[in-house]
């Protein structure tokens, strides 16, 4: 069995050393062995595990979900089902925000008094309290970064 240092594992996988250490410290990627000098050593099995972890992170899985998957507490279908449900909820929230912005544009019309329009809009029943700007920013920012609009 070939063993790799964390630096070699990083080179082979394209994952930064710092990230590999983080996953290792969190119990997601324990080393296959520890060298006499105290270095973490990884085999091809851990390399495959790292690929699984990175793939699940790219799908938006939480570290908790990945840990459950790695420890075989949940299946891949469970992780994917949870992600689909979360994404569906985010899409619904974004559609609601889209409708609200369109409504605000209609309210604005030719009115130059932005404060008045915003006050009327936010004090109306059209805006549920659950649509918090911070929540929307967390959902929208990754989509904007990955879109072709950002160069």
Protein backbone atom coordinates (compact mmCIF):
# COMPACT_ATOMS: atom_id res chain seq x y z
CA UNK A 1 0.00 0.00 0.00
CA UNK A 2 1.39 3.37 -1.06
CA UNK A 3 1.16 6.13 1.53
CA UNK A 4 1.20 9.84 0.76
CA UNK A 5 2.08 12.79 2.90
CA UNK A 6 -0.56 15.48 3.17
CA UNK A 7 1.37 17.58 0.63
CA UNK A 8 1.36 14.79 -1.95
CA UNK A 9 -2.32 14.10 -1.25
CA UNK A 10 -2.97 17.80 -1.85
CA UNK A 11 -1.08 17.72 -5.16
CA UNK A 12 -2.85 14.58 -6.35
CA UNK A 13 -6.32 15.81 -5.38
CA UNK A 14 -6.03 19.55 -6.00
CA UNK A 15 -7.40 20.16 -2.48
CA UNK A 16 -5.39 22.60 -0.34
CA UNK A 17 -3.37 21.14 2.55
CA UNK A 18 -5.25 23.38 4.98
CA UNK A 19 -8.59 21.92 3.82
CA UNK A 20 -7.32 18.35 4.11
CA UNK A 21 -6.11 19.08 7.66
CA UNK A 22 -9.51 20.58 8.47
CA UNK A 23 -11.34 17.48 7.24
CA UNK A 24 -8.89 15.26 9.09
CA UNK A 25 -9.29 17.21 12.35
CA UNK A 26 -13.09 16.98 12.00
CA UNK A 27 -12.95 13.18 11.68
CA UNK A 28 -14.02 13.14 8.05
CA UNK A 29 -10.66 12.06 6.68
CA UNK A 30 -8.53 10.28 9.26
CA UNK A 31 -5.05 9.38 8.05
CA UNK A 32 -4.25 5.76 7.21
CA UNK A 33 -1.14 6.02 9.37
CA UNK A 34 1.08 8.42 11.26
CA UNK A 35 4.79 8.47 10.44
CA UNK A 36 7.40 8.11 13.22
CA UNK A 37 7.96 11.86 12.82
CA UNK A 38 4.24 12.50 13.44
CA UNK A 39 3.20 13.25 9.85
CA UNK A 40 -0.21 12.18 8.60
CA UNK A 41 -0.03 9.59 5.86
CA UNK A 42 -2.85 8.82 3.45
CA UNK A 43 -3.52 5.93 1.06
CA UNK A 44 -5.51 5.72 -2.15
CA UNK A 45 -8.54 4.85 -0.01
CA UNK A 46 -8.34 8.23 1.75
CA UNK A 47 -7.82 9.92 -1.61
CA UNK A 48 -11.12 8.43 -2.78
CA UNK A 49 -12.75 9.50 0.48
CA UNK A 50 -11.46 13.04 -0.09
CA UNK A 51 -13.01 13.06 -3.57
CA UNK A 52 -16.35 12.00 -2.04
CA UNK A 53 -16.14 14.75 0.60
CA UNK A 54 -15.31 17.43 -1.99
CA UNK A 55 -18.11 16.26 -4.29
CA UNK A 56 -20.65 16.41 -1.45
CA UNK A 57 -19.43 19.88 -0.41
CA UNK A 58 -19.86 21.07 -4.00
CA UNK A 59 -23.43 19.79 -3.85
CA UNK A 60 -23.93 21.96 -0.76
CA UNK A 61 -23.95 19.20 1.86
CA UNK A 62 -23.12 20.30 5.38
CA UNK A 63 -20.16 18.85 7.26
CA UNK A 64 -22.67 17.14 9.55
CA UNK A 65 -24.34 15.44 6.59
CA UNK A 66 -20.96 14.43 5.16
CA UNK A 67 -19.90 13.04 8.54
CA UNK A 68 -23.11 11.01 8.71
CA UNK A 69 -22.50 9.74 5.18
CA UNK A 70 -18.83 8.93 5.84
CA UNK A 71 -19.77 7.01 8.99
CA UNK A 72 -22.55 5.28 7.03
CA UNK A 73 -25.33 6.71 9.24
CA UNK A 74 -27.13 7.99 6.13
CA UNK A 75 -27.07 7.04 2.46
CA UNK A 76 -26.11 9.16 -0.51
CA UNK A 77 -29.81 9.31 -1.43
CA UNK A 78 -30.56 10.75 2.03
CA UNK A 79 -27.96 13.49 1.49
CA UNK A 80 -29.30 14.23 -1.99
CA UNK A 81 -32.92 14.28 -0.78
CA UNK A 82 -32.01 16.78 1.94
CA UNK A 83 -30.17 18.97 -0.57
CA UNK A 84 -33.08 18.90 -3.02
CA UNK A 85 -35.49 19.91 -0.24
CA UNK A 86 -33.21 22.76 0.87
CA UNK A 87 -32.75 23.99 -2.70
CA UNK A 88 -36.50 23.84 -3.35
CA UNK A 89 -37.09 25.99 -0.29
CA UNK A 90 -34.44 28.47 -1.44
CA UNK A 91 -35.96 28.61 -4.93
CA UNK A 92 -39.40 29.30 -3.42
CA UNK A 93 -37.92 32.07 -1.28
CA UNK A 94 -36.15 33.58 -4.30
CA UNK A 95 -39.35 33.45 -6.38
CA UNK A 96 -41.15 35.23 -3.56
CA UNK A 97 -38.39 37.85 -3.42
CA UNK A 98 -38.59 38.24 -7.21
CA UNK A 99 -42.34 38.94 -6.98
CA UNK A 100 -41.73 41.41 -4.16
CA UNK A 101 -39.13 43.32 -6.14
CA UNK A 102 -41.47 43.46 -9.13
CA UNK A 103 -44.19 44.78 -6.81
CA UNK A 104 -41.81 47.40 -5.49
CA UNK A 105 -41.01 48.50 -9.04
CA UNK A 106 -44.72 48.86 -9.73
CA UNK A 107 -45.16 50.88 -6.53
CA UNK A 108 -42.21 53.07 -7.46
CA UNK A 109 -43.57 53.97 -10.88
CA UNK A 110 -42.80 57.65 -11.37
CA UNK A 111 -42.64 58.33 -7.64
CA UNK A 112 -39.33 59.97 -6.75
CA UNK A 113 -39.90 59.58 -3.00
CA UNK A 114 -37.99 56.35 -2.44
CA UNK A 115 -38.39 56.48 1.34
CA UNK A 116 -42.16 56.70 1.04
CA UNK A 117 -42.33 53.81 -1.44
CA UNK A 118 -40.02 51.62 0.67
CA UNK A 119 -41.97 52.41 3.84
CA UNK A 120 -45.26 51.52 2.18
CA UNK A 121 -43.79 48.34 0.76
CA UNK A 122 -42.14 47.06 3.95
CA UNK A 123 -45.09 47.99 6.14
CA UNK A 124 -47.50 46.10 3.87
CA UNK A 125 -48.50 42.48 4.24
CA UNK A 126 -46.68 41.70 0.98
CA UNK A 127 -43.38 41.12 2.76
CA UNK A 128 -43.25 38.20 5.20
CA UNK A 129 -40.76 38.54 8.01
CA UNK A 130 -39.14 35.25 7.00
CA UNK A 131 -37.56 36.87 3.94
CA UNK A 132 -34.62 38.32 5.80
CA UNK A 133 -32.01 40.09 3.63
CA UNK A 134 -29.15 38.13 5.26
CA UNK A 135 -30.79 34.83 4.41
CA UNK A 136 -31.38 35.88 0.82
CA UNK A 137 -27.80 37.20 0.49
CA UNK A 138 -26.44 33.80 1.64
CA UNK A 139 -28.57 32.06 -0.98
CA UNK A 140 -27.98 34.43 -3.87
CA UNK A 141 -24.24 35.13 -3.50
CA UNK A 142 -23.05 31.60 -4.44
CA UNK A 143 -25.36 31.59 -7.45
CA UNK A 144 -24.03 34.94 -8.61
CA UNK A 145 -20.40 33.85 -8.18
CA UNK A 146 -20.99 30.72 -10.23
CA UNK A 147 -22.97 32.45 -12.96
CA UNK A 148 -21.47 33.51 -16.26
CA UNK A 149 -22.22 37.12 -15.34
CA UNK A 150 -19.23 37.27 -13.02
CA UNK A 151 -15.86 37.21 -14.73
